[in-house]
PDB file of all heavy atoms in Angstrom:
ATOM      1  N   ILE A   1     -61.069-209.123-129.287  1.00  0.00           N
ATOM      2  CA  ILE A   1     -61.820-209.947-130.240  1.00  0.00           C
ATOM      3  C   ILE A   1     -63.290-210.032-129.833  1.00  0.00           C
ATOM      4  O   ILE A   1     -64.199-209.912-130.678  1.00  0.00           O
ATOM      5  CB  ILE A   1     -61.194-211.355-130.336  1.00  0.00           C
ATOM      6  CG1 ILE A   1     -59.830-211.271-131.032  1.00  0.00           C
ATOM      7  CG2 ILE A   1     -62.116-212.313-131.084  1.00  0.00           C
ATOM      8  CD1 ILE A   1     -59.060-212.572-131.049  1.00  0.00           C
ATOM      9  N   GLU A   2     -63.537-210.239-128.539  1.00  0.00           N
ATOM     10  CA  GLU A   2     -64.922-210.325-128.063  1.00  0.00           C
ATOM     11  C   GLU A   2     -65.681-209.029-128.329  1.00  0.00           C
ATOM     12  O   GLU A   2     -66.839-209.039-128.761  1.00  0.00           O
ATOM     13  CB  GLU A   2     -64.926-210.632-126.566  1.00  0.00           C
ATOM     14  CG  GLU A   2     -66.323-210.774-125.987  1.00  0.00           C
ATOM     15  CD  GLU A   2     -66.316-210.996-124.484  1.00  0.00           C
ATOM     16  OE1 GLU A   2     -65.207-211.045-123.902  1.00  0.00           O
ATOM     17  OE2 GLU A   2     -67.403-211.103-123.899  1.00  0.00           O
ATOM     18  N   THR A   3     -65.009-207.893-128.101  1.00  0.00           N
ATOM     19  CA  THR A   3     -65.650-206.594-128.338  1.00  0.00           C
ATOM     20  C   THR A   3     -65.923-206.383-129.822  1.00  0.00           C
ATOM     21  O   THR A   3     -66.991-205.876-130.203  1.00  0.00           O
ATOM     22  CB  THR A   3     -64.756-205.461-127.803  1.00  0.00           C
ATOM     23  OG1 THR A   3     -64.494-205.672-126.417  1.00  0.00           O
ATOM     24  CG2 THR A   3     -65.422-204.106-127.980  1.00  0.00           C
ATOM     25  N   ILE A   4     -64.982-206.756-130.688  1.00  0.00           N
ATOM     26  CA  ILE A   4     -65.163-206.625-132.143  1.00  0.00           C
ATOM     27  C   ILE A   4     -66.382-207.415-132.592  1.00  0.00           C
ATOM     28  O   ILE A   4     -67.210-206.919-133.375  1.00  0.00           O
ATOM     29  CB  ILE A   4     -63.898-207.103-132.890  1.00  0.00           C
ATOM     30  CG1 ILE A   4     -62.730-206.149-132.633  1.00  0.00           C
ATOM     31  CG2 ILE A   4     -64.171-207.205-134.402  1.00  0.00           C
ATOM     32  CD1 ILE A   4     -61.389-206.678-133.123  1.00  0.00           C
ATOM     33  N   LYS A   5     -66.510-208.639-132.081  1.00  0.00           N
ATOM     34  CA  LYS A   5     -67.602-209.510-132.523  1.00  0.00           C
ATOM     35  C   LYS A   5     -68.953-209.075-131.965  1.00  0.00           C
ATOM     36  O   LYS A   5     -69.950-209.044-132.687  1.00  0.00           O
ATOM     37  CB  LYS A   5     -67.317-210.955-132.112  1.00  0.00           C
ATOM     38  CG  LYS A   5     -66.156-211.584-132.892  1.00  0.00           C
ATOM     39  CD  LYS A   5     -65.904-213.009-132.447  1.00  0.00           C
ATOM     40  CE  LYS A   5     -64.801-213.658-133.283  1.00  0.00           C
ATOM     41  NZ  LYS A   5     -64.531-215.056-132.846  1.00  0.00           N
ATOM     42  N   THR A   6     -68.997-208.734-130.689  1.00  0.00           N
ATOM     43  CA  THR A   6     -70.289-208.394-130.079  1.00  0.00           C
ATOM     44  C   THR A   6     -70.812-207.040-130.546  1.00  0.00           C
ATOM     45  O   THR A   6     -72.022-206.837-130.615  1.00  0.00           O
ATOM     46  CB  THR A   6     -70.178-208.392-128.540  1.00  0.00           C
ATOM     47  OG1 THR A   6     -69.128-207.497-128.135  1.00  0.00           O
ATOM     48  CG2 THR A   6     -69.877-209.794-128.033  1.00  0.00           C
ATOM     49  N   LYS A   7     -69.913-206.133-130.885  1.00  0.00           N
ATOM     50  CA  LYS A   7     -70.346-204.797-131.300  1.00  0.00           C
ATOM     51  C   LYS A   7     -70.215-204.561-132.803  1.00  0.00           C
ATOM     52  O   LYS A   7     -70.388-203.436-133.281  1.00  0.00           O
ATOM     53  CB  LYS A   7     -69.555-203.726-130.532  1.00  0.00           C
ATOM     54  CG  LYS A   7     -69.799-203.765-129.022  1.00  0.00           C
ATOM     55  CD  LYS A   7     -69.112-202.625-128.316  1.00  0.00           C
ATOM     56  CE  LYS A   7     -69.389-202.652-126.814  1.00  0.00           C
ATOM     57  NZ  LYS A   7     -70.803-202.407-126.505  1.00  0.00           N
ATOM     58  N   ASN A   8     -69.879-205.639-133.547  1.00  0.00           N
ATOM     59  CA  ASN A   8     -69.736-205.534-135.013  1.00  0.00           C
ATOM     60  C   ASN A   8     -68.821-204.379-135.424  1.00  0.00           C
ATOM     61  O   ASN A   8     -69.150-203.556-136.283  1.00  0.00           O
ATOM     62  CB  ASN A   8     -71.119-205.369-135.675  1.00  0.00           C
ATOM     63  CG  ASN A   8     -72.009-206.574-135.442  1.00  0.00           C
ATOM     64  OD1 ASN A   8     -71.554-207.707-135.555  1.00  0.00           O
ATOM     65  ND2 ASN A   8     -73.272-206.328-135.107  1.00  0.00           N
ATOM     66  N   ILE A   9     -67.662-204.316-134.813  1.00  0.00           N
ATOM     67  CA  ILE A   9     -66.724-203.220-135.040  1.00  0.00           C
ATOM     68  C   ILE A   9     -66.021-203.392-136.377  1.00  0.00           C
ATOM     69  O   ILE A   9     -65.608-204.493-136.748  1.00  0.00           O
ATOM     70  CB  ILE A   9     -65.713-203.152-133.878  1.00  0.00           C
ATOM     71  CG1 ILE A   9     -66.404-202.521-132.649  1.00  0.00           C
ATOM     72  CG2 ILE A   9     -64.462-202.374-134.249  1.00  0.00           C
ATOM     73  CD1 ILE A   9     -65.568-202.511-131.402  1.00  0.00           C
ATOM     74  N   THR A  10     -65.871-202.282-137.101  1.00  0.00           N
ATOM     75  CA  THR A  10     -65.210-202.309-138.414  1.00  0.00           C
ATOM     76  C   THR A  10     -64.017-201.362-138.491  1.00  0.00           C
ATOM     77  O   THR A  10     -63.345-201.308-139.522  1.00  0.00           O
ATOM     78  CB  THR A  10     -66.213-201.916-139.519  1.00  0.00           C
ATOM     79  OG1 THR A  10     -66.742-200.608-139.234  1.00  0.00           O
ATOM     80  CG2 THR A  10     -67.369-202.915-139.592  1.00  0.00           C
ATOM     81  N   ASP A  11     -63.747-200.616-137.435  1.00  0.00           N
ATOM     82  CA  ASP A  11     -62.678-199.613-137.461  1.00  0.00           C
ATOM     83  C   ASP A  11     -61.974-199.592-136.114  1.00  0.00           C
ATOM     84  O   ASP A  11     -62.616-199.738-135.063  1.00  0.00           O
ATOM     85  CB  ASP A  11     -63.259-198.228-137.779  1.00  0.00           C
ATOM     86  CG  ASP A  11     -62.181-197.187-137.959  1.00  0.00           C
ATOM     87  OD1 ASP A  11     -61.700-197.001-139.089  1.00  0.00           O
ATOM     88  OD2 ASP A  11     -61.806-196.540-136.955  1.00  0.00           O
ATOM     89  N   GLU A  12     -60.645-199.404-136.134  1.00  0.00           N
ATOM     90  CA  GLU A  12     -59.890-199.436-134.881  1.00  0.00           C
ATOM     91  C   GLU A  12     -60.295-198.322-133.925  1.00  0.00           C
ATOM     92  O   GLU A  12     -60.143-198.436-132.705  1.00  0.00           O
ATOM     93  CB  GLU A  12     -58.380-199.361-135.148  1.00  0.00           C
ATOM     94  CG  GLU A  12     -57.882-198.062-135.748  1.00  0.00           C
ATOM     95  CD  GLU A  12     -57.854-198.093-137.276  1.00  0.00           C
ATOM     96  OE1 GLU A  12     -58.529-198.950-137.860  1.00  0.00           O
ATOM     97  OE2 GLU A  12     -57.142-197.257-137.858  1.00  0.00           O
ATOM     98  N   LYS A  13     -60.823-197.200-134.449  1.00  0.00           N
ATOM     99  CA  LYS A  13     -61.268-196.114-133.583  1.00  0.00           C
ATOM    100  C   LYS A  13     -62.417-196.543-132.690  1.00  0.00           C
ATOM    101  O   LYS A  13     -62.566-196.051-131.569  1.00  0.00           O
ATOM    102  CB  LYS A  13     -61.663-194.897-134.417  1.00  0.00           C
ATOM    103  CG  LYS A  13     -60.497-194.225-135.130  1.00  0.00           C
ATOM    104  CD  LYS A  13     -60.957-193.017-135.928  1.00  0.00           C
ATOM    105  CE  LYS A  13     -59.776-192.354-136.643  1.00  0.00           C
ATOM    106  NZ  LYS A  13     -60.216-191.197-137.459  1.00  0.00           N
ATOM    107  N   GLN A  14     -63.236-197.474-133.183  1.00  0.00           N
ATOM    108  CA  GLN A  14     -64.333-197.990-132.374  1.00  0.00           C
ATOM    109  C   GLN A  14     -63.802-198.828-131.211  1.00  0.00           C
ATOM    110  O   GLN A  14     -64.360-198.804-130.113  1.00  0.00           O
ATOM    111  CB  GLN A  14     -65.274-198.827-133.257  1.00  0.00           C
ATOM    112  CG  GLN A  14     -65.998-198.016-134.330  1.00  0.00           C
ATOM    113  CD  GLN A  14     -66.730-198.923-135.304  1.00  0.00           C
ATOM    114  OE1 GLN A  14     -66.109-199.580-136.130  1.00  0.00           O
ATOM    115  NE2 GLN A  14     -68.041-198.980-135.177  1.00  0.00           N
ATOM    116  N   VAL A  15     -62.722-199.580-131.465  1.00  0.00           N
ATOM    117  CA  VAL A  15     -62.091-200.346-130.391  1.00  0.00           C
ATOM    118  C   VAL A  15     -61.559-199.407-129.325  1.00  0.00           C
ATOM    119  O   VAL A  15     -61.734-199.622-128.123  1.00  0.00           O
ATOM    120  CB  VAL A  15     -60.953-201.239-130.941  1.00  0.00           C
ATOM    121  CG1 VAL A  15     -60.197-201.922-129.803  1.00  0.00           C
ATOM    122  CG2 VAL A  15     -61.506-202.282-131.900  1.00  0.00           C
ATOM    123  N   THR A  16     -60.910-198.338-129.762  1.00  0.00           N
ATOM    124  CA  THR A  16     -60.374-197.349-128.817  1.00  0.00           C
ATOM    125  C   THR A  16     -61.492-196.719-128.005  1.00  0.00           C
ATOM    126  O   THR A  16     -61.366-196.521-126.793  1.00  0.00           O
ATOM    127  CB  THR A  16     -59.590-196.261-129.566  1.00  0.00           C
ATOM    128  OG1 THR A  16     -58.526-196.875-130.300  1.00  0.00           O
ATOM    129  CG2 THR A  16     -59.017-195.241-128.600  1.00  0.00           C
ATOM    130  N   ALA A  17     -62.612-196.421-128.650  1.00  0.00           N
ATOM    131  CA  ALA A  17     -63.747-195.816-127.950  1.00  0.00           C
ATOM    132  C   ALA A  17     -64.316-196.745-126.888  1.00  0.00           C
ATOM    133  O   ALA A  17     -64.735-196.295-125.812  1.00  0.00           O
ATOM    134  CB  ALA A  17     -64.834-195.440-128.952  1.00  0.00           C
ATOM    135  N   CYS A  18     -64.295-198.049-127.159  1.00  0.00           N
ATOM    136  CA  CYS A  18     -64.866-199.021-126.220  1.00  0.00           C
ATOM    137  C   CYS A  18     -63.900-199.413-125.109  1.00  0.00           C
ATOM    138  O   CYS A  18     -64.296-199.551-123.948  1.00  0.00           O
ATOM    139  CB  CYS A  18     -65.309-200.279-126.970  1.00  0.00           C
ATOM    140  SG  CYS A  18     -66.688-200.036-128.114  1.00  0.00           S
ATOM    141  N   LEU A  19     -62.626-199.613-125.466  1.00  0.00           N
ATOM    142  CA  LEU A  19     -61.665-200.210-124.535  1.00  0.00           C
ATOM    143  C   LEU A  19     -60.465-199.332-124.212  1.00  0.00           C
ATOM    144  O   LEU A  19     -59.623-199.725-123.406  1.00  0.00           O
ATOM    145  CB  LEU A  19     -61.158-201.543-125.115  1.00  0.00           C
ATOM    146  CG  LEU A  19     -62.208-202.591-125.457  1.00  0.00           C
ATOM    147  CD1 LEU A  19     -61.547-203.794-126.123  1.00  0.00           C
ATOM    148  CD2 LEU A  19     -62.955-203.028-124.217  1.00  0.00           C
ATOM    149  N   LYS A  20     -60.333-198.193-124.885  1.00  0.00           N
ATOM    150  CA  LYS A  20     -59.175-197.297-124.775  1.00  0.00           C
ATOM    151  C   LYS A  20     -57.937-197.835-125.506  1.00  0.00           C
ATOM    152  O   LYS A  20     -56.986-197.092-125.725  1.00  0.00           O
ATOM    153  CB  LYS A  20     -58.805-197.007-123.321  1.00  0.00           C
ATOM    154  CG  LYS A  20     -59.842-196.221-122.539  1.00  0.00           C
ATOM    155  CD  LYS A  20     -59.309-195.867-121.159  1.00  0.00           C
ATOM    156  CE  LYS A  20     -60.301-195.036-120.375  1.00  0.00           C
ATOM    157  NZ  LYS A  20     -59.788-194.683-119.032  1.00  0.00           N
ATOM    158  N   ALA A  21     -57.952-199.111-125.860  1.00  0.00           N
ATOM    159  CA  ALA A  21     -56.786-199.712-126.514  1.00  0.00           C
ATOM    160  C   ALA A  21     -56.422-198.947-127.779  1.00  0.00           C
ATOM    161  O   ALA A  21     -57.282-198.663-128.611  1.00  0.00           O
ATOM    162  CB  ALA A  21     -57.072-201.178-126.851  1.00  0.00           C
ATOM    163  N   GLY A  22     -55.141-198.594-127.912  1.00  0.00           N
ATOM    164  CA  GLY A  22     -54.690-197.835-129.074  1.00  0.00           C
ATOM    165  C   GLY A  22     -54.816-196.347-128.919  1.00  0.00           C
ATOM    166  O   GLY A  22     -54.424-195.586-129.805  1.00  0.00           O
ATOM    167  N   GLY A  23     -55.341-195.909-127.782  1.00  0.00           N
ATOM    168  CA  GLY A  23     -55.605-194.476-127.610  1.00  0.00           C
ATOM    169  C   GLY A  23     -54.467-193.691-127.005  1.00  0.00           C
ATOM    170  O   GLY A  23     -54.587-192.485-126.815  1.00  0.00           O
ATOM    171  N   ASN A  24     -53.340-194.355-126.685  1.00  0.00           N
ATOM    172  CA  ASN A  24     -52.219-193.618-126.101  1.00  0.00           C
ATOM    173  C   ASN A  24     -51.059-193.546-127.082  1.00  0.00           C
ATOM    174  O   ASN A  24     -50.984-192.634-127.898  1.00  0.00           O
ATOM    175  CB  ASN A  24     -51.791-194.260-124.783  1.00  0.00           C
ATOM    176  CG  ASN A  24     -50.807-193.405-124.014  1.00  0.00           C
ATOM    177  OD1 ASN A  24     -50.903-192.182-124.023  1.00  0.00           O
ATOM    178  ND2 ASN A  24     -49.850-194.030-123.361  1.00  0.00           N
ATOM    179  N   CYS A  25     -50.166-194.529-127.065  1.00  0.00           N
ATOM    180  CA  CYS A  25     -48.993-194.463-127.954  1.00  0.00           C
ATOM    181  C   CYS A  25     -49.325-194.904-129.377  1.00  0.00           C
ATOM    182  O   CYS A  25     -48.622-194.539-130.323  1.00  0.00           O
ATOM    183  CB  CYS A  25     -47.847-195.301-127.396  1.00  0.00           C
ATOM    184  SG  CYS A  25     -48.107-197.082-127.512  1.00  0.00           S
ATOM    185  N   GLY A  26     -50.381-195.728-129.549  1.00  0.00           N
ATOM    186  CA  GLY A  26     -50.804-196.145-130.884  1.00  0.00           C
ATOM    187  C   GLY A  26     -50.020-197.299-131.480  1.00  0.00           C
ATOM    188  O   GLY A  26     -50.315-197.729-132.595  1.00  0.00           O
ATOM    189  N   SER A  27     -49.037-197.832-130.751  1.00  0.00           N
ATOM    190  CA  SER A  27     -48.202-198.887-131.334  1.00  0.00           C
ATOM    191  C   SER A  27     -48.969-200.187-131.555  1.00  0.00           C
ATOM    192  O   SER A  27     -48.540-201.041-132.339  1.00  0.00           O
ATOM    193  CB  SER A  27     -46.987-199.144-130.446  1.00  0.00           C
ATOM    194  OG  SER A  27     -47.394-199.591-129.170  1.00  0.00           O
ATOM    195  N   CYS A  28     -50.098-200.363-130.867  1.00  0.00           N
ATOM    196  CA  CYS A  28     -50.870-201.595-131.026  1.00  0.00           C
ATOM    197  C   CYS A  28     -51.938-201.499-132.110  1.00  0.00           C
ATOM    198  O   CYS A  28     -52.630-202.481-132.393  1.00  0.00           O
ATOM    199  CB  CYS A  28     -51.523-201.988-129.697  1.00  0.00           C
ATOM    200  SG  CYS A  28     -52.677-200.750-129.058  1.00  0.00           S
ATOM    201  N   LEU A  29     -52.111-200.336-132.730  1.00  0.00           N
ATOM    202  CA  LEU A  29     -53.166-200.162-133.729  1.00  0.00           C
ATOM    203  C   LEU A  29     -53.036-201.114-134.919  1.00  0.00           C
ATOM    204  O   LEU A  29     -54.045-201.659-135.378  1.00  0.00           O
ATOM    205  CB  LEU A  29     -53.213-198.707-134.198  1.00  0.00           C
ATOM    206  CG  LEU A  29     -53.755-197.698-133.175  1.00  0.00           C
ATOM    207  CD1 LEU A  29     -53.628-196.274-133.697  1.00  0.00           C
ATOM    208  CD2 LEU A  29     -55.217-198.003-132.845  1.00  0.00           C
ATOM    209  N   PRO A  30     -51.814-201.365-135.441  1.00  0.00           N
ATOM    210  CA  PRO A  30     -51.720-202.341-136.542  1.00  0.00           C
ATOM    211  C   PRO A  30     -52.243-203.721-136.148  1.00  0.00           C
ATOM    212  O   PRO A  30     -52.925-204.378-136.943  1.00  0.00           O
ATOM    213  CB  PRO A  30     -50.216-202.375-136.853  1.00  0.00           C
ATOM    214  CG  PRO A  30     -49.712-201.041-136.416  1.00  0.00           C
ATOM    215  CD  PRO A  30     -50.511-200.704-135.203  1.00  0.00           C
ATOM    216  N   GLU A  31     -51.940-204.168-134.918  1.00  0.00           N
ATOM    217  CA  GLU A  31     -52.428-205.475-134.463  1.00  0.00           C
ATOM    218  C   GLU A  31     -53.938-205.455-134.309  1.00  0.00           C
ATOM    219  O   GLU A  31     -54.620-206.435-134.639  1.00  0.00           O
ATOM    220  CB  GLU A  31     -51.755-205.863-133.150  1.00  0.00           C
ATOM    221  CG  GLU A  31     -52.088-207.274-132.706  1.00  0.00           C
ATOM    222  CD  GLU A  31     -51.278-207.738-131.511  1.00  0.00           C
ATOM    223  OE1 GLU A  31     -50.399-206.978-131.050  1.00  0.00           O
ATOM    224  OE2 GLU A  31     -51.531-208.857-131.041  1.00  0.00           O
ATOM    225  N   ILE A  32     -54.482-204.335-133.816  1.00  0.00           N
ATOM    226  CA  ILE A  32     -55.944-204.227-133.675  1.00  0.00           C
ATOM    227  C   ILE A  32     -56.606-204.278-135.042  1.00  0.00           C
ATOM    228  O   ILE A  32     -57.634-204.952-135.227  1.00  0.00           O
ATOM    229  CB  ILE A  32     -56.310-202.928-132.928  1.00  0.00           C
ATOM    230  CG1 ILE A  32     -55.834-203.012-131.472  1.00  0.00           C
ATOM    231  CG2 ILE A  32     -57.811-202.675-132.975  1.00  0.00           C
ATOM    232  CD1 ILE A  32     -56.009-201.730-130.679  1.00  0.00           C
ATOM    233  N   ARG A  33     -56.027-203.587-136.037  1.00  0.00           N
ATOM    234  CA  ARG A  33     -56.587-203.632-137.392  1.00  0.00           C
ATOM    235  C   ARG A  33     -56.552-205.064-137.927  1.00  0.00           C
ATOM    236  O   ARG A  33     -57.485-205.508-138.613  1.00  0.00           O
ATOM    237  CB  ARG A  33     -55.804-202.692-138.320  1.00  0.00           C
ATOM    238  CG  ARG A  33     -56.128-201.215-138.112  1.00  0.00           C
ATOM    239  CD  ARG A  33     -55.589-200.364-139.238  1.00  0.00           C
ATOM    240  NE  ARG A  33     -54.142-200.226-139.165  1.00  0.00           N
ATOM    241  CZ  ARG A  33     -53.505-199.234-138.539  1.00  0.00           C
ATOM    242  NH1 ARG A  33     -54.215-198.307-137.923  1.00  0.00           N
ATOM    243  NH2 ARG A  33     -52.189-199.165-138.521  1.00  0.00           N
ATOM    244  N   GLY A  34     -55.475-205.783-137.616  1.00  0.00           N
ATOM    245  CA  GLY A  34     -55.374-207.174-138.051  1.00  0.00           C
ATOM    246  C   GLY A  34     -56.439-208.048-137.408  1.00  0.00           C
ATOM    247  O   GLY A  34     -57.014-208.931-138.074  1.00  0.00           O
ATOM    248  N   LEU A  35     -56.745-207.815-136.134  1.00  0.00           N
ATOM    249  CA  LEU A  35     -57.780-208.584-135.454  1.00  0.00           C
ATOM    250  C   LEU A  35     -59.157-208.286-136.045  1.00  0.00           C
ATOM    251  O   LEU A  35     -59.990-209.192-136.188  1.00  0.00           O
ATOM    252  CB  LEU A  35     -57.766-208.266-133.959  1.00  0.00           C
ATOM    253  CG  LEU A  35     -56.527-208.730-133.177  1.00  0.00           C
ATOM    254  CD1 LEU A  35     -56.589-208.222-131.726  1.00  0.00           C
ATOM    255  CD2 LEU A  35     -56.414-210.245-133.194  1.00  0.00           C
ATOM    256  N   ILE A  36     -59.389-207.019-136.396  1.00  0.00           N
ATOM    257  CA  ILE A  36     -60.667-206.651-137.025  1.00  0.00           C
ATOM    258  C   ILE A  36     -60.797-207.386-138.356  1.00  0.00           C
ATOM    259  O   ILE A  36     -61.883-207.956-138.669  1.00  0.00           O
ATOM    260  CB  ILE A  36     -60.761-205.125-137.230  1.00  0.00           C
ATOM    261  CG1 ILE A  36     -60.832-204.413-135.866  1.00  0.00           C
ATOM    262  CG2 ILE A  36     -61.967-204.762-138.081  1.00  0.00           C
ATOM    263  CD1 ILE A  36     -60.725-202.898-135.953  1.00  0.00           C
TER     264      ILE A  36
END
């Protein structure tokens, strides 16, 4: 959430680029999209 707000993120790929989250199995991507 902090990364989304400070970097004005609009896409889950940007979260993955910053934190790696979602970049392996991808099962958390729906939750990341929900947080965005």
